[in-house]
Structures are given as structure tokens and as C-alpha cells.
Amino acid sequence: MGRFREALARPGLQAIAEVKRKSPSAGALRPDADPAALARSFAEAGAAAISVLVDERFAGSIDDLRAARAATDAPLIGKGFFSEEAQIRELAAAGADAFLLILRDLSDEQVTGLRSYGAELGLDALVEAHDAEELKRGLVLGVDPIGVNCRNLNDFSIDRQAQHALVGHIPSERVIVAESGIWSRAQGAAAELAGASAVLVGSALMRAPDPAAKLKELISRPLVKVCGLTRQEDVDAAVEAGADLVGFILAAESPRQAPGVLEVPETMLSVAVFVGERHETDADLVQLYACENGHRGRDAVLYLGGRAVAEVLDLPWESQDAGHLERVAAAAREKRVVLAGGLGPENVAAAIKQVRPWAVDASSALETAPGIKDHERLRQFVQAARLVTPARV
């Protein structure tokens, strides 16, 4: 295992922060980008690895890789369109720890040969697939790490759902990188839930006023969920406040029953909440509670498709339990936990510091009446959760 793969294999969602001045799909991004300064700041902001475009079509060069190497000891991947051993030698000499191979452009024999040659030089190869056929080739070849790019290289369109479906078919023991199309914390989380070990982010960072601050934002935890939404105006308030997930209760027994899954921007994730049994929905995620004595149980399971991806653990109902947060904190060290129940602007920061959950969830504490949100308290809740020192979980 090389330095690059080892860094991406750490627990939690990792990030590869990319240095690029322009792209064929978006044009100029950051023409004056300083690869040394960016590489240094990305490493300090928590990037597991740093990608440097060395291809002139991206206004990059091998000198950019050398500059980044001089500025940081973080793992570096040289990105371009490589097909010859001489190119891999040049990357190694410039300080790369890894290089990109694009299955679309290479035969199986080329991929095998270049990976083997890179390994002799101590470099990992990130092998990139764009569709099911390419992924099948990569899996047969045993590539690891493996990247799944959601950008169509012919028309530059983005299809995250197709990417997530492909990621879900890769054995979990391999390091999986979701590439392109990540602009928000929720989009990164969606790739994580699909099975990605890491996300590769470029354009979002290059377009940000402060690229390192944007990177911190994308990889910080916990996510913030506002649940029990029944009105579009409240969804819009959650969007404006900066929430990551919004929940719609579709159980008939609830006083917060929503008319359906309301309109949610693609930068967020929608969650359909059910009790007892789930039904077809166009929500991104499903939160399912057991039905106990005709009512919902205390805790729930969060599903992506048919796969359980997190547990929703509530605070005690109408009682005190001094050891509850300690038990939830222990669970959060082992798996993804969404902390819910009784959270509001006044106590969410303290709960986050003690538990370090993957996400926090509030509903009734943000209301003026069941299903009717107080927009100011909603804003305060999101802000309070964000003010906690960002954690990697």
C-alpha cells in the first residue's frame, strides 16, 4: 500500500483537494492559482491528499507538481492523460505519490503495465471509471484505489445517481474515490453513504473565495438535519440557514405529517420518515422507525436504497438519563450516528462536543406549532451546530 492509498483508507470520508486553473467543462476557474500555497493550505485544512493537474489543457504543468511537493509532505497525485512509462517516471521525479489512469483511454494491457511500472517506483495508480463497463474492467483487473467519475467526458454532464449506483457495486475493502460534482457537504455525504472512501473536489474549491475554508466546510461533521417539515416556506428557510438534510414525516399518525417530499435543491438531501413500513418515495434517504404499541419506537435506521447506512438515536423522552449521551458517544465511535430528540439552539453545541455524531436532527424544538417552523430558531440551531469546532468522523 502506497502513501496515497493509505491516506484515503483512513476511517471517515477523506478528501482529495485539487489544484487546477481551468477545466474543459467550466473554463477558467482560478487562472492565478499558486500550487504551492494551495497545497500547503489544503493540507492544513484536512485534505488526505492533493491532486495537481499537470496537463496544459488545464493550464497545468509538471512544475506545478514540483511546487506543491516543495510546499507540503502530504500525498500528491499527478493528474493528466497518461499512457507511457516516461510520463510516470517524470511524475515520480517531480514528487508524486500517485498518478491517474483513465480506463476510457487505455487498454487493459496498458493499465496493467502502467500500474506495475508505477508500483516499482513506489507510486499508487488511481484508476478511473465512468460507466458500468469500465467499472467491470477495473474490478476484473483488481485496481485499488478505484475512482468513479460522475462527469461524462463527452458532453461534461453530471450524473451523481449513476455514480452512486456504481460505487455501491464496488467491494468495500477497496478504496473508492467519488470524483467530480461535489459542491456541498450533503453531496459529499451522499457519496460517502453510497460507499465512497473519499471524494475528489476541484472546481468547488477553485471557485471559492477561500479554497481551504471551503474544503473544511465540505468535510466537516456533523451534518445538520431539520425534520418535521410540512411547508415549502420552511424548507426554503432551512436551505437559507445552511442545513444539509431536510426530513418529511410521511407517517399518518404524526401531527407533523407532510403532504409529500417537498422541493429540495440538489445541494441538500431529502429524507422520508416512516413508521413500521416504508413506501416508495423519491427522497434521497429513508428514515424508518419500528412500530411499537401503535406508535413509533425511540430509535430509527437511515437507509440509502435498501442498505442501512446510519442509526438515528433519540435522547430520552420526558425523562432524564445522565448516561445516555455517553452511550451514544460510544456508538458514534463505531458507526454513523444521527443524534436526535430534544435538540435545539440551546443544547446542540454541548451535545455535539460530547457525542461527535455524524449528524444532528431537530424538529419540535424549532416550531411554533406542530409542523410549523420558527425560522429564527431554525437559523439559530444550524448556526449553533456549525460553531462547534469541525470534527472528522
Protein backbone atom coordinates (compact mmCIF):
# COMPACT_ATOMS: atom_id res chain seq x y z
CA MET A 1 0.00 0.00 0.00
CA GLY A 2 1.43 3.37 -1.05
CA ARG A 3 1.15 6.66 0.84
CA PHE A 4 -1.71 7.85 -1.34
CA ARG A 5 -3.94 4.81 -0.86
CA GLU A 6 -3.07 4.59 2.82
CA ALA A 7 -4.21 8.19 3.41
CA LEU A 8 -7.53 7.57 1.67
CA ALA A 9 -8.16 4.36 3.60
CA ARG A 10 -8.40 6.12 6.97
CA PRO A 11 -11.79 5.99 8.76
CA GLY A 12 -14.41 8.54 7.74
CA LEU A 13 -14.84 10.38 4.47
CA GLN A 14 -11.49 11.64 3.17
CA ALA A 15 -10.93 14.38 0.59
CA ILE A 16 -8.55 14.84 -2.30
CA ALA A 17 -8.29 18.59 -2.87
CA GLU A 18 -7.46 19.53 -6.44
CA VAL A 19 -5.33 22.34 -7.82
CA LYS A 20 -6.47 23.36 -11.31
CA ARG A 21 -6.61 26.69 -13.08
CA LYS A 22 -9.23 25.79 -15.66
CA SER A 23 -11.28 22.88 -16.94
CA PRO A 24 -12.72 21.96 -20.35
CA SER A 25 -16.23 21.94 -18.89
CA ALA A 26 -16.13 25.15 -16.83
CA GLY A 27 -13.44 27.23 -18.48
CA ALA A 28 -11.26 29.47 -16.32
CA LEU A 29 -11.54 28.68 -12.62
CA ARG A 30 -8.57 30.28 -10.89
CA PRO A 31 -6.04 31.44 -13.52
CA ASP A 32 -3.62 32.78 -10.92
CA ALA A 33 -3.68 29.65 -8.74
CA ASP A 34 -0.45 29.17 -6.80
CA PRO A 35 0.04 25.40 -6.45
CA ALA A 36 2.47 25.73 -3.54
CA ALA A 37 0.22 27.99 -1.48
CA LEU A 38 -2.87 25.93 -2.26
CA ALA A 39 -1.19 22.61 -1.50
CA ARG A 40 0.03 23.92 1.85
CA SER A 41 -3.36 25.35 2.82
CA PHE A 42 -5.24 22.23 1.69
CA ALA A 43 -3.01 20.00 3.81
CA GLU A 44 -3.55 22.26 6.83
CA ALA A 45 -7.32 22.22 6.20
CA GLY A 46 -7.50 18.43 6.40
CA ALA A 47 -7.05 17.11 2.86
CA ALA A 48 -5.97 13.47 2.90
CA ALA A 49 -4.22 14.02 -0.43
CA ILE A 50 -3.76 16.75 -3.02
CA SER A 51 -4.34 16.44 -6.76
CA VAL A 52 -2.33 18.59 -9.14
CA LEU A 53 -3.29 18.96 -12.82
CA VAL A 54 -0.12 18.76 -14.89
CA ASP A 55 -1.80 18.87 -18.31
CA GLU A 56 -1.66 22.07 -20.36
CA ARG A 57 -5.35 21.66 -21.25
CA PHE A 58 -5.99 22.55 -17.61
CA ALA A 59 -3.33 25.28 -17.65
CA GLY A 60 -1.14 22.98 -15.59
CA SER A 61 2.42 21.70 -15.85
CA ILE A 62 4.86 19.36 -14.16
CA ASP A 63 6.34 22.43 -12.46
CA ASP A 64 3.07 22.82 -10.55
CA LEU A 65 3.61 19.35 -9.09
CA ARG A 66 7.18 20.23 -8.13
CA ALA A 67 5.97 23.40 -6.43
CA ALA A 68 3.33 21.52 -4.48
CA ARG A 69 5.90 18.91 -3.41
CA ALA A 70 8.20 21.60 -2.10
CA ALA A 71 5.35 23.10 -0.06
CA THR A 72 3.92 20.02 1.69
CA ASP A 73 4.66 16.43 2.57
CA ALA A 74 1.01 15.44 2.03
CA PRO A 75 0.43 12.67 -0.55
CA LEU A 76 0.24 14.11 -4.08
CA ILE A 77 -1.41 12.69 -7.19
CA GLY A 78 -0.44 13.96 -10.61
CA LYS A 79 -3.47 14.20 -12.90
CA GLY A 80 -3.42 14.21 -16.66
CA PHE A 81 -3.83 11.84 -19.58
CA PHE A 82 -1.03 9.31 -19.15
CA SER A 83 -0.27 6.37 -21.39
CA GLU A 84 3.53 5.98 -21.33
CA GLU A 85 6.08 4.91 -18.76
CA ALA A 86 8.14 8.05 -19.42
CA GLN A 87 5.26 10.16 -18.12
CA ILE A 88 5.08 8.11 -14.92
CA ARG A 89 8.85 8.48 -14.45
CA GLU A 90 8.51 12.23 -14.79
CA LEU A 91 5.75 12.33 -12.19
CA ALA A 92 7.82 10.25 -9.76
CA ALA A 93 10.82 12.52 -10.22
CA ALA A 94 8.64 15.57 -9.53
CA GLY A 95 7.49 14.14 -6.20
CA ALA A 96 4.17 12.43 -6.96
CA ASP A 97 2.87 9.63 -4.76
CA ALA A 98 0.22 8.57 -7.29
CA PHE A 99 -1.00 9.12 -10.82
CA LEU A 100 -4.30 8.91 -12.69
CA LEU A 101 -5.19 6.29 -15.30
CA ILE A 102 -8.42 6.72 -17.28
CA LEU A 103 -9.94 3.42 -18.38
CA ARG A 104 -11.76 5.07 -21.27
CA ASP A 105 -8.44 5.91 -22.92
CA LEU A 106 -6.41 2.79 -22.14
CA SER A 107 -6.47 -0.92 -22.88
CA ASP A 108 -6.40 -3.47 -20.09
CA GLU A 109 -2.81 -4.26 -21.02
CA GLN A 110 -1.82 -0.59 -20.73
CA VAL A 111 -3.50 -0.23 -17.35
CA THR A 112 -1.80 -3.35 -16.02
CA GLY A 113 1.60 -2.34 -17.35
CA LEU A 114 1.47 1.25 -16.11
CA ARG A 115 0.21 0.22 -12.67
CA SER A 116 3.03 -2.29 -12.37
CA TYR A 117 5.61 0.24 -13.52
CA GLY A 118 4.30 2.84 -11.09
CA ALA A 119 4.44 0.34 -8.23
CA GLU A 120 8.12 -0.27 -8.99
CA LEU A 121 8.65 3.47 -8.50
CA GLY A 122 6.60 3.49 -5.28
CA LEU A 123 3.53 5.16 -6.81
CA ASP A 124 -0.14 4.22 -6.49
CA ALA A 125 -2.42 4.42 -9.53
CA LEU A 126 -5.92 5.84 -9.20
CA VAL A 127 -7.79 4.10 -12.00
CA GLU A 128 -10.89 5.97 -13.14
CA ALA A 129 -14.15 4.54 -14.50
CA HIS A 130 -17.13 6.43 -15.93
CA ASP A 131 -19.68 3.70 -16.60
CA ALA A 132 -20.62 0.13 -15.75
CA GLU A 133 -18.50 -1.43 -18.48
CA GLU A 134 -15.38 0.48 -17.43
CA LEU A 135 -16.03 -0.36 -13.80
CA LYS A 136 -16.32 -4.04 -14.65
CA ARG A 137 -12.95 -3.86 -16.40
CA GLY A 138 -11.38 -2.18 -13.40
CA LEU A 139 -12.76 -4.72 -10.96
CA VAL A 140 -11.52 -7.62 -13.08
CA LEU A 141 -8.08 -6.01 -13.22
CA GLY A 142 -8.12 -5.70 -9.42
CA VAL A 143 -7.43 -1.97 -9.36
CA ASP A 144 -7.27 -0.30 -5.96
CA PRO A 145 -7.79 2.57 -5.41
CA ILE A 146 -10.56 2.97 -7.95
CA GLY A 147 -12.26 6.22 -8.94
CA VAL A 148 -15.79 6.70 -10.26
CA ASN A 149 -16.25 9.97 -12.13
CA CYS A 150 -19.80 11.28 -12.40
CA ARG A 151 -18.84 13.62 -15.24
CA ASN A 152 -19.47 12.43 -18.79
CA LEU A 153 -16.24 13.19 -20.65
CA ASN A 154 -18.09 13.62 -23.93
CA ASP A 155 -20.68 16.24 -23.00
CA PHE A 156 -19.44 17.13 -19.45
CA SER A 157 -22.86 16.41 -17.91
CA ILE A 158 -23.07 15.27 -14.26
CA ASP A 159 -24.97 12.18 -13.07
CA ARG A 160 -24.45 11.64 -9.35
CA GLN A 161 -27.11 8.95 -9.03
CA ALA A 162 -25.38 6.82 -11.65
CA GLN A 163 -22.08 7.41 -9.87
CA HIS A 164 -23.52 6.33 -6.52
CA ALA A 165 -25.01 3.20 -8.08
CA LEU A 166 -21.61 2.25 -9.48
CA VAL A 167 -19.87 2.98 -6.17
CA GLY A 168 -22.32 0.65 -4.46
CA HIS A 169 -21.17 -2.25 -6.66
CA ILE A 170 -17.51 -2.00 -5.63
CA PRO A 171 -16.27 -4.33 -2.87
CA SER A 172 -15.96 -2.33 0.34
CA GLU A 173 -12.40 -3.48 1.02
CA ARG A 174 -11.19 -1.38 -1.91
CA VAL A 175 -10.51 2.34 -1.60
CA ILE A 176 -13.21 4.10 -3.64
CA VAL A 177 -12.98 7.71 -4.79
CA ALA A 178 -16.07 9.62 -5.95
CA GLU A 179 -14.87 12.20 -8.45
CA SER A 180 -16.43 15.45 -9.70
CA GLY A 181 -19.71 17.18 -8.98
CA ILE A 182 -19.19 17.85 -5.26
CA TRP A 183 -20.29 21.36 -4.33
CA SER A 184 -21.82 20.88 -0.88
CA ARG A 185 -21.32 18.92 2.33
CA ALA A 186 -24.53 16.97 1.61
CA GLN A 187 -23.32 15.90 -1.84
CA GLY A 188 -20.10 14.62 -0.30
CA ALA A 189 -22.13 12.80 2.35
CA ALA A 190 -24.27 11.17 -0.34
CA ALA A 191 -21.12 9.74 -1.94
CA GLU A 192 -19.95 8.60 1.49
CA LEU A 193 -23.24 6.80 2.17
CA ALA A 194 -23.04 5.13 -1.23
CA GLY A 195 -19.72 3.62 -0.17
CA ALA A 196 -17.03 6.09 -1.21
CA SER A 197 -13.87 6.25 0.91
CA ALA A 198 -13.02 9.70 -0.43
CA VAL A 199 -14.22 12.49 -2.68
CA LEU A 200 -12.09 14.38 -5.17
CA VAL A 201 -13.05 18.06 -5.23
CA GLY A 202 -11.66 20.64 -7.63
CA SER A 203 -13.95 23.23 -9.18
CA ALA A 204 -15.83 23.98 -5.95
CA LEU A 205 -12.56 24.79 -4.22
CA MET A 206 -11.08 26.78 -7.08
CA ARG A 207 -14.17 28.97 -7.36
CA ALA A 208 -14.39 29.65 -3.62
CA PRO A 209 -13.08 32.94 -2.22
CA ASP A 210 -11.14 30.89 0.34
CA PRO A 211 -10.43 27.40 -1.05
CA ALA A 212 -9.12 25.99 2.24
CA ALA A 213 -12.17 27.22 4.15
CA LYS A 214 -14.42 25.63 1.52
CA LEU A 215 -12.57 22.34 1.95
CA LYS A 216 -13.09 22.46 5.72
CA GLU A 217 -16.78 23.10 5.14
CA LEU A 218 -17.18 20.14 2.78
CA ILE A 219 -15.57 17.57 5.08
CA SER A 220 -16.69 18.85 8.49
CA ARG A 221 -19.17 16.98 10.65
CA PRO A 222 -21.81 16.84 11.96
CA LEU A 223 -24.30 17.31 9.20
CA VAL A 224 -27.40 19.25 10.24
CA LYS A 225 -30.90 17.90 9.63
CA VAL A 226 -34.18 19.74 10.12
CA CYS A 227 -37.12 17.36 10.35
CA GLY A 228 -40.91 17.55 10.53
CA LEU A 229 -41.21 19.97 7.62
CA THR A 230 -44.70 20.44 6.18
CA ARG A 231 -44.44 23.70 4.22
CA GLN A 232 -42.25 24.77 1.31
CA GLU A 233 -41.51 28.09 3.02
CA ASP A 234 -39.98 26.20 5.93
CA VAL A 235 -37.89 24.08 3.56
CA ASP A 236 -36.66 27.29 1.97
CA ALA A 237 -35.79 28.67 5.41
CA ALA A 238 -33.76 25.53 6.15
CA VAL A 239 -31.94 25.96 2.84
CA GLU A 240 -31.15 29.59 3.61
CA ALA A 241 -29.95 28.69 7.11
CA GLY A 242 -27.47 26.19 5.69
CA ALA A 243 -28.97 22.84 6.75
CA ASP A 244 -27.71 19.74 4.96
CA LEU A 245 -30.72 17.41 5.24
CA VAL A 246 -34.45 18.06 5.47
CA GLY A 247 -36.93 15.48 6.74
CA PHE A 248 -40.55 14.87 5.75
CA ILE A 249 -42.65 12.69 8.04
CA LEU A 250 -44.97 10.54 5.93
CA ALA A 251 -46.47 8.54 8.81
CA ALA A 252 -50.22 9.16 9.17
CA GLU A 253 -50.12 9.17 12.98
CA SER A 254 -47.82 12.19 13.19
CA PRO A 255 -49.11 15.74 13.79
CA ARG A 256 -46.21 16.72 11.53
CA GLN A 257 -47.30 14.61 8.59
CA ALA A 258 -46.07 16.23 5.38
CA PRO A 259 -48.10 16.33 2.16
CA GLY A 260 -45.16 14.60 0.48
CA VAL A 261 -41.48 15.17 -0.20
CA LEU A 262 -41.30 18.87 -0.99
CA GLU A 263 -38.88 20.59 -3.36
CA VAL A 264 -35.28 20.38 -2.19
CA PRO A 265 -32.23 21.80 -4.01
CA GLU A 266 -29.61 19.35 -5.30
CA THR A 267 -27.09 20.70 -2.77
CA MET A 268 -29.13 19.08 0.05
CA LEU A 269 -30.52 15.63 0.85
CA SER A 270 -34.19 14.86 1.44
CA VAL A 271 -35.26 12.26 4.00
CA ALA A 272 -38.64 10.48 4.03
CA VAL A 273 -39.62 9.36 7.53
CA PHE A 274 -41.79 6.26 8.01
CA VAL A 275 -43.06 4.20 10.95
CA GLY A 276 -43.49 0.44 10.72
CA GLU A 277 -43.03 0.04 6.98
CA ARG A 278 -41.58 2.13 4.21
CA HIS A 279 -43.16 3.04 0.90
CA GLU A 280 -41.89 4.15 -2.47
CA THR A 281 -40.61 7.71 -2.39
CA ASP A 282 -38.38 10.00 -4.41
CA ALA A 283 -36.50 11.13 -1.29
CA ASP A 284 -32.74 10.63 -1.22
CA LEU A 285 -32.86 8.72 2.07
CA VAL A 286 -35.43 6.87 4.19
CA GLN A 287 -35.60 7.05 7.99
CA LEU A 288 -37.54 4.07 9.34
CA TYR A 289 -38.85 3.68 12.90
CA ALA A 290 -40.23 0.45 14.32
CA CYS A 291 -43.92 0.49 15.28
CA GLU A 292 -44.30 -0.27 18.99
CA ASN A 293 -47.78 -0.49 20.56
CA GLY A 294 -49.23 1.51 17.68
CA HIS A 295 -46.63 4.27 17.92
CA ARG A 296 -43.13 4.85 16.63
CA GLY A 297 -40.18 3.47 18.54
CA ARG A 298 -37.50 5.66 20.00
CA ASP A 299 -34.69 4.98 17.52
CA ALA A 300 -34.59 4.60 13.75
CA VAL A 301 -32.42 3.33 10.90
CA LEU A 302 -31.37 5.55 8.00
CA TYR A 303 -31.43 3.82 4.61
CA LEU A 304 -29.93 4.58 1.23
CA GLY A 305 -31.97 2.40 -1.09
CA GLY A 306 -32.15 -0.97 0.64
CA ARG A 307 -28.97 -0.55 2.64
CA ALA A 308 -28.79 0.67 6.24
CA VAL A 309 -26.23 3.48 6.42
CA ALA A 310 -26.71 5.10 9.85
CA GLU A 311 -28.62 4.86 13.12
CA VAL A 312 -30.85 7.63 14.48
CA LEU A 313 -30.58 7.67 18.27
CA ASP A 314 -33.00 9.80 20.27
CA LEU A 315 -32.49 11.44 23.61
CA PRO A 316 -34.78 10.04 26.35
CA TRP A 317 -38.42 11.05 26.07
CA GLU A 318 -39.82 13.04 29.00
CA SER A 319 -37.17 11.69 31.38
CA GLN A 320 -33.56 12.21 32.41
CA ASP A 321 -30.78 9.74 31.66
CA ALA A 322 -27.37 11.07 32.64
CA GLY A 323 -25.54 8.24 30.88
CA HIS A 324 -27.41 8.44 27.57
CA LEU A 325 -25.01 10.77 25.76
CA GLU A 326 -22.04 8.71 26.91
CA ARG A 327 -23.62 5.59 25.41
CA VAL A 328 -24.42 7.40 22.17
CA ALA A 329 -20.86 8.76 22.05
CA ALA A 330 -19.54 5.21 22.34
CA ALA A 331 -21.80 4.14 19.47
CA ALA A 332 -20.66 7.12 17.38
CA ARG A 333 -17.07 5.94 17.62
CA GLU A 334 -18.06 2.69 15.92
CA LYS A 335 -20.68 3.72 13.34
CA ARG A 336 -22.56 6.65 11.83
CA VAL A 337 -24.95 8.12 14.36
CA VAL A 338 -27.60 10.78 13.88
CA LEU A 339 -28.31 12.35 17.28
CA ALA A 340 -31.94 13.40 17.64
CA GLY A 341 -34.62 14.10 20.22
CA GLY A 342 -34.91 17.27 22.25
CA LEU A 343 -32.16 19.16 20.43
CA GLY A 344 -32.45 22.91 19.93
CA PRO A 345 -30.26 26.01 19.67
CA GLU A 346 -29.60 25.97 23.43
CA ASN A 347 -28.15 22.46 23.79
CA VAL A 348 -26.95 21.24 20.39
CA ALA A 349 -23.38 22.53 20.73
CA ALA A 350 -22.84 20.76 24.07
CA ALA A 351 -24.34 17.54 22.68
CA ILE A 352 -22.06 17.66 19.64
CA LYS A 353 -18.96 18.16 21.78
CA GLN A 354 -19.83 15.13 23.90
CA VAL A 355 -21.10 12.75 21.22
CA ARG A 356 -19.32 13.77 17.98
CA PRO A 357 -22.19 12.40 15.87
CA TRP A 358 -22.26 12.10 12.10
CA ALA A 359 -25.37 14.32 12.06
CA VAL A 360 -27.75 16.13 14.41
CA ASP A 361 -31.52 16.27 13.92
CA ALA A 362 -34.10 18.71 15.34
CA SER A 363 -37.83 19.11 14.86
CA SER A 364 -40.22 20.10 17.67
CA ALA A 365 -37.75 22.45 19.38
CA LEU A 366 -37.75 24.59 16.24
CA GLU A 367 -41.54 25.03 16.00
CA THR A 368 -44.27 27.49 16.83
CA ALA A 369 -46.82 24.68 16.30
CA PRO A 370 -46.53 21.05 15.10
CA GLY A 371 -45.12 21.14 11.59
CA ILE A 372 -44.75 24.95 11.56
CA LYS A 373 -41.15 26.07 11.91
CA ASP A 374 -39.88 29.16 13.70
CA HIS A 375 -37.40 30.45 11.12
CA GLU A 376 -35.29 32.34 13.63
CA ARG A 377 -34.87 29.31 15.90
CA LEU A 378 -34.15 27.18 12.86
CA ARG A 379 -31.38 29.58 11.86
CA GLN A 380 -30.03 29.64 15.42
CA PHE A 381 -29.98 25.83 15.55
CA VAL A 382 -27.95 25.50 12.36
CA GLN A 383 -25.61 28.27 13.45
CA ALA A 384 -25.07 26.72 16.90
CA ALA A 385 -24.23 23.36 15.35
CA ARG A 386 -21.79 24.98 12.94
CA LEU A 387 -19.97 26.95 15.65
CA VAL A 388 -18.62 23.76 17.20
CA THR A 389 -15.06 23.09 16.09
CA PRO A 390 -15.46 20.95 12.95
CA ALA A 391 -14.85 17.28 13.54
CA ARG A 392 -13.85 14.49 11.17
CA VAL A 393 -15.95 11.41 11.93
